[in-house]
Protein backbone atom coordinates (compact mmCIF):
# COMPACT_ATOMS: atom_id res chain seq x y z
CA MET A 1 51.59 61.37 45.20
CA ALA A 2 52.11 57.70 44.40
CA LYS A 3 53.60 55.68 41.54
CA ARG A 4 51.97 53.17 39.22
CA ILE A 5 52.54 51.39 35.92
CA GLN A 6 50.26 52.36 33.04
CA PHE A 7 50.12 52.07 29.24
CA SER A 8 48.63 54.43 26.66
CA GLN A 9 48.76 52.08 23.66
CA HIS A 10 48.84 48.35 23.09
CA GLY A 11 52.08 46.61 22.28
CA GLY A 12 55.05 44.87 23.84
CA PRO A 13 56.50 45.41 27.32
CA GLU A 14 58.06 48.66 26.11
CA VAL A 15 54.66 50.41 26.25
CA LEU A 16 54.62 50.17 30.07
CA GLN A 17 55.43 53.45 31.83
CA LEU A 18 56.06 54.29 35.48
CA VAL A 19 54.11 57.46 36.28
CA GLU A 20 53.15 59.50 39.33
CA PHE A 21 49.50 60.09 40.23
CA ASP A 22 47.39 61.54 43.02
CA PRO A 23 45.26 58.76 44.55
CA ALA A 24 41.60 59.70 44.86
CA PRO A 25 39.70 58.97 48.09
CA PRO A 26 37.67 55.75 47.94
CA GLY A 27 34.04 56.11 46.89
CA PRO A 28 31.00 54.25 48.29
CA GLN A 29 31.73 50.54 48.93
CA GLN A 30 35.35 51.12 47.89
CA VAL A 31 38.60 50.48 49.75
CA ARG A 32 42.05 51.96 49.13
CA VAL A 33 44.89 49.53 49.73
CA ARG A 34 48.58 50.32 50.26
CA ASN A 35 50.20 47.48 48.31
CA HIS A 36 53.08 45.55 49.85
CA ALA A 37 53.44 43.02 47.02
CA ILE A 38 51.93 42.62 43.54
CA GLY A 39 51.36 39.48 41.50
CA LEU A 40 52.59 39.00 37.93
CA ASN A 41 50.38 36.91 35.63
CA PHE A 42 49.96 36.05 31.95
CA ILE A 43 46.60 37.82 31.88
CA ASP A 44 48.49 41.08 32.45
CA THR A 45 50.22 40.62 29.10
CA TYR A 46 46.86 40.00 27.41
CA PHE A 47 45.58 43.41 28.48
CA ARG A 48 48.85 45.09 27.55
CA SER A 49 48.95 43.50 24.07
CA GLY A 50 45.28 44.16 23.32
CA LEU A 51 44.12 40.52 23.32
CA TYR A 52 41.83 41.64 26.13
CA ALA A 53 40.49 45.18 25.98
CA PRO A 54 40.89 47.46 29.02
CA PRO A 55 37.97 49.79 29.80
CA ALA A 56 39.91 52.78 28.45
CA LEU A 57 43.38 54.06 27.60
CA PRO A 58 45.59 55.06 29.28
CA SER A 59 45.06 52.11 31.60
CA GLY A 60 46.53 50.69 34.75
CA LEU A 61 47.59 47.06 34.79
CA GLY A 62 47.45 44.08 37.10
CA THR A 63 44.66 42.34 38.98
CA GLU A 64 46.42 40.83 41.99
CA ALA A 65 48.09 42.27 45.07
CA ALA A 66 48.25 42.19 48.85
CA GLY A 67 48.58 44.99 51.35
CA VAL A 68 46.94 46.97 54.11
CA VAL A 69 43.70 48.96 54.03
CA GLU A 70 44.53 52.66 54.38
CA ALA A 71 41.12 54.24 53.68
CA VAL A 72 37.51 53.09 53.31
CA GLY A 73 34.54 54.68 51.58
CA GLU A 74 30.96 55.09 52.70
CA GLY A 75 29.07 51.84 53.22
CA VAL A 76 32.13 49.62 53.72
CA THR A 77 31.25 47.09 56.44
CA ARG A 78 33.55 44.04 56.20
CA LEU A 79 36.88 45.86 56.27
CA LYS A 80 38.52 48.62 58.29
CA VAL A 81 41.70 50.66 58.15
CA GLY A 82 44.67 48.50 59.11
CA ASP A 83 43.22 45.19 57.90
CA ARG A 84 45.51 42.87 55.95
CA VAL A 85 43.87 42.09 52.60
CA ALA A 86 44.51 40.53 49.21
CA HIS A 87 42.70 40.36 45.90
CA ALA A 88 42.83 38.61 42.54
CA GLY A 89 40.17 40.48 40.60
CA GLY A 90 39.84 43.86 38.93
CA PRO A 91 39.60 46.65 38.38
CA LEU A 92 42.92 46.90 36.57
CA GLY A 93 45.55 48.85 38.44
CA ALA A 94 47.31 46.53 40.89
CA TYR A 95 50.71 47.53 39.44
CA SER A 96 50.72 50.48 41.81
CA GLU A 97 51.83 51.62 45.24
CA VAL A 98 48.17 52.16 46.14
CA HIS A 99 45.03 50.78 44.54
CA THR A 100 41.36 51.53 45.06
CA LEU A 101 38.86 48.76 44.41
CA PRO A 102 35.45 47.47 45.53
CA GLU A 103 35.28 45.99 49.02
CA ALA A 104 33.62 42.90 47.54
CA ASN A 105 36.79 42.09 45.56
CA LEU A 106 38.99 41.86 48.64
CA VAL A 107 39.54 38.94 50.99
CA LYS A 108 40.84 39.09 54.54
CA LEU A 109 44.39 37.81 54.80
CA PRO A 110 45.30 35.76 57.88
CA ASP A 111 48.51 36.63 59.71
CA SER A 112 49.94 33.22 58.79
CA ILE A 113 50.13 34.22 55.09
CA SER A 114 52.72 36.87 54.11
CA PHE A 115 52.00 39.69 51.68
CA GLU A 116 54.42 38.19 49.15
CA GLN A 117 52.81 34.76 49.46
CA ALA A 118 49.36 36.23 48.94
CA ALA A 119 50.39 38.38 45.96
CA ALA A 120 52.12 35.39 44.39
CA VAL A 121 49.31 32.93 44.98
CA MET A 122 45.92 34.64 44.90
CA LEU A 123 45.16 34.56 41.19
CA LYS A 124 46.99 31.31 40.47
CA GLY A 125 45.81 29.70 43.70
CA LEU A 126 42.14 30.61 43.27
CA THR A 127 42.43 29.46 39.66
CA THR A 128 43.84 26.13 40.81
CA GLN A 129 41.08 25.85 43.39
CA TYR A 130 38.24 26.24 40.91
CA LEU A 131 39.95 24.10 38.24
CA LEU A 132 40.59 21.08 40.47
CA LYS A 133 37.61 21.33 42.80
CA GLN A 134 34.82 23.01 40.83
CA THR A 135 35.24 22.93 37.04
CA TYR A 136 36.09 19.24 37.35
CA ALA A 137 36.09 17.72 40.81
CA VAL A 138 39.32 15.72 40.75
CA GLN A 139 39.02 12.36 42.46
CA PRO A 140 41.65 10.05 44.00
CA GLY A 141 43.23 7.93 41.28
CA ASP A 142 42.22 10.20 38.40
CA PHE A 143 44.73 10.63 35.59
CA ILE A 144 44.76 14.32 34.73
CA LEU A 145 46.86 16.13 32.14
CA PHE A 146 48.10 19.60 33.05
CA HIS A 147 50.06 21.67 30.54
CA ALA A 148 52.96 23.89 31.66
CA ALA A 149 53.26 21.97 34.90
CA ALA A 150 56.32 23.92 36.08
CA GLY A 151 54.68 27.33 35.59
CA GLY A 152 52.77 29.44 38.08
CA VAL A 153 49.42 27.65 38.06
CA GLY A 154 51.03 24.32 37.18
CA SER A 155 53.34 24.44 40.20
CA LEU A 156 50.32 24.75 42.47
CA ALA A 157 48.28 22.18 40.56
CA CYS A 158 51.02 19.56 40.95
CA GLN A 159 50.88 19.96 44.72
CA TRP A 160 47.10 20.23 45.05
CA ALA A 161 46.43 17.27 42.75
CA LYS A 162 48.81 15.11 44.80
CA ALA A 163 47.00 16.15 47.98
CA LEU A 164 43.74 15.05 46.33
CA GLY A 165 45.25 11.67 45.45
CA ALA A 166 45.20 12.26 41.69
CA LYS A 167 47.88 11.26 39.18
CA LEU A 168 48.87 14.50 37.49
CA ILE A 169 50.74 14.16 34.19
CA GLY A 170 52.47 17.44 33.50
CA THR A 171 53.85 18.73 30.22
CA VAL A 172 57.12 20.66 30.38
CA SER A 173 59.68 22.12 27.98
CA SER A 174 62.93 20.89 29.54
CA SER A 175 64.45 18.26 31.79
CA GLU A 176 64.97 20.90 34.48
CA LYS A 177 61.27 21.77 34.48
CA ALA A 178 60.41 18.06 34.52
CA GLU A 179 62.45 17.62 37.68
CA ARG A 180 60.76 20.63 39.22
CA ALA A 181 57.25 19.38 38.42
CA LYS A 182 58.02 15.94 39.86
CA ALA A 183 59.50 17.47 43.01
CA LEU A 184 56.24 19.40 43.45
CA GLY A 185 54.10 16.28 43.17
CA ALA A 186 53.53 15.51 39.49
CA TRP A 187 52.97 11.78 39.04
CA ALA A 188 54.68 11.86 35.64
CA THR A 189 55.97 14.44 33.17
CA ILE A 190 56.18 14.70 29.39
CA ASP A 191 58.81 16.90 27.74
CA TYR A 192 56.97 18.16 24.68
CA SER A 193 60.22 19.40 23.11
CA HIS A 194 61.05 15.83 22.10
CA GLU A 195 58.17 13.58 23.21
CA ASP A 196 54.80 12.97 21.56
CA VAL A 197 52.38 14.11 24.27
CA ALA A 198 49.31 12.18 23.12
CA ARG A 199 51.30 8.96 22.65
CA ARG A 200 52.91 9.25 26.08
CA VAL A 201 49.55 9.92 27.75
CA LEU A 202 48.21 6.76 26.13
CA GLU A 203 51.20 4.80 27.46
CA LEU A 204 51.12 6.31 30.95
CA THR A 205 47.40 5.64 31.40
CA ASP A 206 47.50 2.10 29.98
CA GLY A 207 45.32 3.20 27.09
CA GLN A 208 42.68 4.89 29.23
CA LYS A 209 43.58 8.50 28.44
CA CYS A 210 42.37 11.26 30.82
CA PRO A 211 38.92 12.32 32.02
CA VAL A 212 40.11 15.95 32.03
CA VAL A 213 42.84 18.05 30.44
CA TYR A 214 43.78 21.46 31.85
CA ASP A 215 45.19 23.66 29.11
CA GLY A 216 46.42 27.19 29.79
CA VAL A 217 48.64 27.26 26.70
CA GLY A 218 45.93 27.69 24.07
CA ALA A 219 46.40 27.50 20.30
CA ASP A 220 49.59 25.40 20.25
CA THR A 221 48.20 22.57 22.37
CA TRP A 222 44.49 22.55 21.48
CA LEU A 223 44.45 19.49 19.20
CA THR A 224 46.97 17.58 21.27
CA SER A 225 44.84 18.15 24.36
CA LEU A 226 41.75 16.74 22.63
CA ASP A 227 43.73 13.62 21.66
CA CYS A 228 44.56 13.00 25.34
CA LEU A 229 40.92 12.81 26.47
CA LYS A 230 38.93 9.66 26.98
CA PRO A 231 35.42 9.55 25.47
CA ARG A 232 33.14 12.16 27.09
CA GLY A 233 36.19 13.74 28.70
CA LEU A 234 36.36 17.41 29.60
CA MET A 235 38.70 19.86 27.89
CA VAL A 236 39.34 22.81 30.21
CA SER A 237 40.86 25.66 28.18
CA PHE A 238 41.70 28.31 30.77
CA GLY A 239 44.47 30.37 29.16
CA ASN A 240 46.07 31.65 25.96
CA ALA A 241 49.83 31.64 26.57
CA SER A 242 50.49 30.68 22.93
CA GLY A 243 47.53 32.58 21.49
CA ALA A 244 43.77 32.20 21.61
CA VAL A 245 42.00 29.08 20.33
CA SER A 246 39.85 30.14 17.38
CA GLY A 247 38.00 28.71 14.38
CA VAL A 248 36.95 25.56 16.22
CA ASN A 249 34.79 23.11 14.31
CA LEU A 250 32.51 21.55 16.92
CA GLY A 251 32.38 18.39 14.85
CA ILE A 252 35.89 17.54 16.04
CA LEU A 253 34.47 16.99 19.52
CA ALA A 254 32.23 14.27 18.13
CA GLN A 255 35.05 12.69 16.14
CA LYS A 256 37.30 12.46 19.18
CA GLY A 257 34.74 10.91 21.53
CA SER A 258 31.77 13.16 22.33
CA LEU A 259 34.04 15.49 24.26
CA TYR A 260 33.04 18.41 26.45
CA VAL A 261 34.80 21.77 26.36
CA THR A 262 34.68 24.68 28.78
CA ARG A 263 36.44 28.06 28.79
CA PRO A 264 36.20 29.09 32.45
CA THR A 265 37.31 32.31 34.10
CA LEU A 266 38.01 33.09 37.73
CA ALA A 267 35.48 35.92 37.69
CA THR A 268 32.65 33.44 37.04
CA TYR A 269 33.56 31.36 40.08
CA ALA A 270 34.69 34.14 42.44
CA ASN A 271 31.56 36.11 41.54
CA ASN A 272 30.73 37.59 44.95
CA ALA A 273 32.43 38.33 48.26
CA GLU A 274 31.16 35.16 49.93
CA ASN A 275 32.35 32.79 47.18
CA THR A 276 35.68 34.56 46.84
CA GLN A 277 36.40 34.43 50.58
CA ALA A 278 35.41 30.75 50.74
CA MET A 279 37.76 29.89 47.87
CA ALA A 280 40.52 31.95 49.47
CA ASP A 281 40.00 30.27 52.82
CA ASP A 282 40.36 26.87 51.12
CA LEU A 283 43.57 28.09 49.50
CA PHE A 284 44.97 29.56 52.73
CA ALA A 285 44.17 26.33 54.59
CA MET A 286 46.15 24.34 52.02
CA ILE A 287 49.12 26.65 52.52
CA ALA A 288 48.83 26.54 56.31
CA SER A 289 48.72 22.74 56.25
CA GLY A 290 51.98 22.58 54.33
CA LYS A 291 50.37 20.74 51.42
CA LEU A 292 50.78 23.78 49.20
CA VAL A 293 54.06 25.68 49.12
CA VAL A 294 54.14 29.10 47.46
CA ASP A 295 57.39 29.16 45.52
CA ILE A 296 58.46 32.70 44.68
CA GLN A 297 61.40 32.41 42.30
CA GLN A 298 61.52 35.97 40.95
CA ARG A 299 61.18 39.40 42.56
CA TYR A 300 61.33 42.68 40.66
CA PRO A 301 60.87 46.28 41.76
CA LEU A 302 57.66 47.80 40.40
CA SER A 303 59.75 49.99 38.10
CA GLU A 304 60.98 46.87 36.27
CA ALA A 305 57.52 45.55 35.39
CA ALA A 306 58.37 45.52 31.67
CA LYS A 307 61.42 43.33 32.26
CA ALA A 308 59.38 40.98 34.44
CA GLN A 309 56.72 40.61 31.73
CA SER A 310 59.38 39.93 29.08
CA GLU A 311 60.80 37.10 31.16
CA LEU A 312 57.35 35.67 31.78
CA SER A 313 56.35 35.76 28.10
CA ALA A 314 59.62 34.12 27.08
CA ARG A 315 58.91 31.29 29.54
CA ARG A 316 62.17 31.97 31.36
CA THR A 317 60.47 32.01 34.75
CA VAL A 318 59.53 29.17 37.07
CA GLY A 319 57.17 29.27 39.98
CA SER A 320 55.78 32.68 40.86
CA THR A 321 56.97 36.24 40.31
CA VAL A 322 56.13 39.28 42.43
CA LEU A 323 56.59 43.02 41.93
CA LEU A 324 57.59 45.04 44.97
CA PRO A 325 56.53 48.72 45.31
């Protein structure tokens, strides 16, 4: 028997339950992984709350973990028992001592990267990789606006953008988070609790505004983000921390400068084993070079997943959080 977190109805963190289950043997092209560390991410709260629909209820939760292969199914060719692996894609169920998933969803984990590092960085790190290098290829000298710069993805983006030679302007909610973002490589910060974000962006960029805005906050920052873009700039809406953006009148994009908008997802970029491994290798190389530091600020036992999600949703966390089986 093994233990996992599951939920039978949508709601707040209180719907999460720790239950015992009997892990099934992996099927064709499947691998069963003994998790050593599990990543905590905002998308987990979306599935729990019902913003995103799980395939069925009751449902497991979590899409990111790292561990060791303990069994392989028929047709598995890339991986073998004993391999160190990590993943940042479904199926749901990473909040578990063991998890079975398709071989194609797993990447090989080099010995230089710890299980906790991988669990803390895979989803956020691969997200940062596609945002800064694929959705919009950040260039040296670019002014870029990144919301929630002291959060999980933001903490990595500050470092990666600096390595690329870009000038990342990060929004934060406190002076403490401003200091953190700057220490990680943000070129400048804006405390939205008492500063006008659009006005400060205009000042910081000498009236140029930004060619790209990365917005994982959603509804609360949508209009502000558009006001920070230069004509024909790209609005990258990649998350819904404050709620989903809805009811958008496309005419506003014309009014604010023939803007572009995209709503990317990791699954579209890491859409096969080859692409996912290549993105992961880029991420692992950044960590190995010392240009990207994985900052794990919170650790919770798997049994306290509800508490961990409450802290995350209340924005009382900084850096990354991991659950430990």
